[in-house]
């Protein structure tokens, strides 16, 4: 019988089933994407300003913010990509949106 821990690709410690943080957060995903439909563009612009302020509070280096507005179904679709300097900042930002 093979130990289940040995089958896992993550670096685990057999004593406590802990995972090495470097296995989970390897800075390969530093972008958080956000999307929402609004009835008016002014509402979308206000949300962009609010999310931009949140990103600026978290960033250690300037966060790249790519916002796109698209007129749809009697309103506007706002799609935003926030690219942070490291994955930890991305995670903090995402958790702050919940």
C-alpha atoms as a PDB file:
ATOM      1  CA  UNK A   1       0.000   0.000   0.000  1.00  0.00           C
ATOM      2  CA  UNK A   2       1.389   3.376  -1.038  1.00  0.00           C
ATOM      3  CA  UNK A   3       1.165   6.372   1.257  1.00  0.00           C
ATOM      4  CA  UNK A   4      -1.233   9.002  -0.187  1.00  0.00           C
ATOM      5  CA  UNK A   5       1.173  11.801   0.654  1.00  0.00           C
ATOM      6  CA  UNK A   6       3.761  10.385  -1.739  1.00  0.00           C
ATOM      7  CA  UNK A   7       1.288  10.696  -4.636  1.00  0.00           C
ATOM      8  CA  UNK A   8       0.877  14.434  -4.167  1.00  0.00           C
ATOM      9  CA  UNK A   9       3.065  16.734  -6.255  1.00  0.00           C
ATOM     10  CA  UNK A  10       3.164  19.351  -3.493  1.00  0.00           C
ATOM     11  CA  UNK A  11       5.983  19.253  -0.956  1.00  0.00           C
ATOM     12  CA  UNK A  12       4.175  18.018   2.133  1.00  0.00           C
ATOM     13  CA  UNK A  13       5.393  17.178   5.603  1.00  0.00           C
ATOM     14  CA  UNK A  14       4.131  13.731   6.605  1.00  0.00           C
ATOM     15  CA  UNK A  15       3.757  14.749  10.261  1.00  0.00           C
ATOM     16  CA  UNK A  16       1.154  17.455   9.731  1.00  0.00           C
ATOM     17  CA  UNK A  17       0.151  17.386   6.026  1.00  0.00           C
ATOM     18  CA  UNK A  18       1.383  20.957   5.654  1.00  0.00           C
ATOM     19  CA  UNK A  19       2.160  22.311   2.190  1.00  0.00           C
ATOM     20  CA  UNK A  20       5.212  24.452   1.486  1.00  0.00           C
ATOM     21  CA  UNK A  21       4.013  27.979   0.664  1.00  0.00           C
ATOM     22  CA  UNK A  22       6.369  28.086  -2.330  1.00  0.00           C
ATOM     23  CA  UNK A  23       4.395  25.234  -3.842  1.00  0.00           C
ATOM     24  CA  UNK A  24       1.135  27.168  -3.700  1.00  0.00           C
ATOM     25  CA  UNK A  25       2.412  30.694  -4.400  1.00  0.00           C
ATOM     26  CA  UNK A  26       5.135  30.639  -7.036  1.00  0.00           C
ATOM     27  CA  UNK A  27       4.474  34.123  -8.543  1.00  0.00           C
ATOM     28  CA  UNK A  28       3.123  32.521 -11.714  1.00  0.00           C
ATOM     29  CA  UNK A  29      -0.300  34.195 -11.356  1.00  0.00           C
ATOM     30  CA  UNK A  30      -0.053  37.882 -10.513  1.00  0.00           C
ATOM     31  CA  UNK A  31      -3.217  39.013 -12.320  1.00  0.00           C
ATOM     32  CA  UNK A  32      -6.677  39.340 -10.789  1.00  0.00           C
ATOM     33  CA  UNK A  33      -9.528  39.760 -13.266  1.00  0.00           C
ATOM     34  CA  UNK A  34     -12.836  41.383 -12.403  1.00  0.00           C
ATOM     35  CA  UNK A  35     -15.993  41.830 -14.510  1.00  0.00           C
ATOM     36  CA  UNK A  36     -19.482  43.278 -14.028  1.00  0.00           C
ATOM     37  CA  UNK A  37     -22.354  44.712 -16.050  1.00  0.00           C
ATOM     38  CA  UNK A  38     -23.728  48.165 -15.146  1.00  0.00           C
ATOM     39  CA  UNK A  39     -26.832  50.016 -16.289  1.00  0.00           C
ATOM     40  CA  UNK A  40     -24.876  53.272 -16.718  1.00  0.00           C
ATOM     41  CA  UNK A  41     -21.275  54.029 -17.598  1.00  0.00           C
ATOM     42  CA  UNK A  42     -20.997  56.434 -14.658  1.00  0.00           C
ATOM     43  CA  UNK A  43     -21.649  53.506 -12.281  1.00  0.00           C
ATOM     44  CA  UNK A  44     -18.932  51.483 -14.009  1.00  0.00           C
ATOM     45  CA  UNK A  45     -16.491  54.385 -13.784  1.00  0.00           C
ATOM     46  CA  UNK A  46     -17.230  54.794 -10.058  1.00  0.00           C
ATOM     47  CA  UNK A  47     -16.580  51.066  -9.497  1.00  0.00           C
ATOM     48  CA  UNK A  48     -13.315  51.287 -11.450  1.00  0.00           C
ATOM     49  CA  UNK A  49     -12.214  54.195  -9.246  1.00  0.00           C
ATOM     50  CA  UNK A  50     -13.114  52.260  -6.085  1.00  0.00           C
ATOM     51  CA  UNK A  51     -11.255  49.100  -7.184  1.00  0.00           C
ATOM     52  CA  UNK A  52      -8.268  51.151  -8.336  1.00  0.00           C
ATOM     53  CA  UNK A  53      -8.047  52.734  -4.872  1.00  0.00           C
ATOM     54  CA  UNK A  54      -8.105  49.257  -3.257  1.00  0.00           C
ATOM     55  CA  UNK A  55      -5.331  48.070  -5.572  1.00  0.00           C
ATOM     56  CA  UNK A  56      -3.209  51.132  -4.806  1.00  0.00           C
ATOM     57  CA  UNK A  57      -3.485  50.419  -1.068  1.00  0.00           C
ATOM     58  CA  UNK A  58      -2.074  46.905  -1.590  1.00  0.00           C
ATOM     59  CA  UNK A  59       0.610  47.413  -4.244  1.00  0.00           C
ATOM     60  CA  UNK A  60       4.306  47.446  -3.374  1.00  0.00           C
ATOM     61  CA  UNK A  61       5.157  48.505  -6.929  1.00  0.00           C
ATOM     62  CA  UNK A  62       2.689  50.145  -9.318  1.00  0.00           C
ATOM     63  CA  UNK A  63      -0.127  47.742 -10.189  1.00  0.00           C
ATOM     64  CA  UNK A  64      -0.893  47.629 -13.909  1.00  0.00           C
ATOM     65  CA  UNK A  65      -4.630  48.217 -14.341  1.00  0.00           C
ATOM     66  CA  UNK A  66      -6.196  47.406 -17.713  1.00  0.00           C
ATOM     67  CA  UNK A  67      -9.871  48.453 -17.822  1.00  0.00           C
ATOM     68  CA  UNK A  68     -12.195  47.888 -20.755  1.00  0.00           C
ATOM     69  CA  UNK A  69     -15.685  49.336 -21.177  1.00  0.00           C
ATOM     70  CA  UNK A  70     -18.031  47.721 -23.705  1.00  0.00           C
ATOM     71  CA  UNK A  71     -21.571  48.902 -24.447  1.00  0.00           C
ATOM     72  CA  UNK A  72     -23.915  45.891 -24.040  1.00  0.00           C
ATOM     73  CA  UNK A  73     -27.615  45.234 -23.520  1.00  0.00           C
ATOM     74  CA  UNK A  74     -28.667  48.785 -22.607  1.00  0.00           C
ATOM     75  CA  UNK A  75     -25.694  49.206 -20.310  1.00  0.00           C
ATOM     76  CA  UNK A  76     -21.952  48.755 -20.118  1.00  0.00           C
ATOM     77  CA  UNK A  77     -19.727  45.776 -19.354  1.00  0.00           C
ATOM     78  CA  UNK A  78     -16.638  46.621 -17.297  1.00  0.00           C
ATOM     79  CA  UNK A  79     -13.740  44.162 -17.468  1.00  0.00           C
ATOM     80  CA  UNK A  80     -10.584  44.897 -15.464  1.00  0.00           C
ATOM     81  CA  UNK A  81      -7.254  43.098 -15.114  1.00  0.00           C
ATOM     82  CA  UNK A  82      -5.102  44.039 -12.113  1.00  0.00           C
ATOM     83  CA  UNK A  83      -1.501  42.858 -12.496  1.00  0.00           C
ATOM     84  CA  UNK A  84       0.465  43.093  -9.258  1.00  0.00           C
ATOM     85  CA  UNK A  85       4.208  42.761  -8.648  1.00  0.00           C
ATOM     86  CA  UNK A  86       3.741  39.476  -6.772  1.00  0.00           C
ATOM     87  CA  UNK A  87       1.165  36.769  -6.274  1.00  0.00           C
ATOM     88  CA  UNK A  88       0.732  37.562  -2.569  1.00  0.00           C
ATOM     89  CA  UNK A  89      -0.581  41.028  -3.447  1.00  0.00           C
ATOM     90  CA  UNK A  90      -2.943  39.483  -5.995  1.00  0.00           C
ATOM     91  CA  UNK A  91      -4.289  37.112  -3.358  1.00  0.00           C
ATOM     92  CA  UNK A  92      -4.730  39.910  -0.797  1.00  0.00           C
ATOM     93  CA  UNK A  93      -6.613  41.971  -3.389  1.00  0.00           C
ATOM     94  CA  UNK A  94      -8.886  39.062  -4.323  1.00  0.00           C
ATOM     95  CA  UNK A  95      -9.653  38.262  -0.691  1.00  0.00           C
ATOM     96  CA  UNK A  96     -10.480  41.929  -0.080  1.00  0.00           C
ATOM     97  CA  UNK A  97     -13.163  41.774  -2.766  1.00  0.00           C
ATOM     98  CA  UNK A  98     -15.127  39.087  -0.920  1.00  0.00           C
END
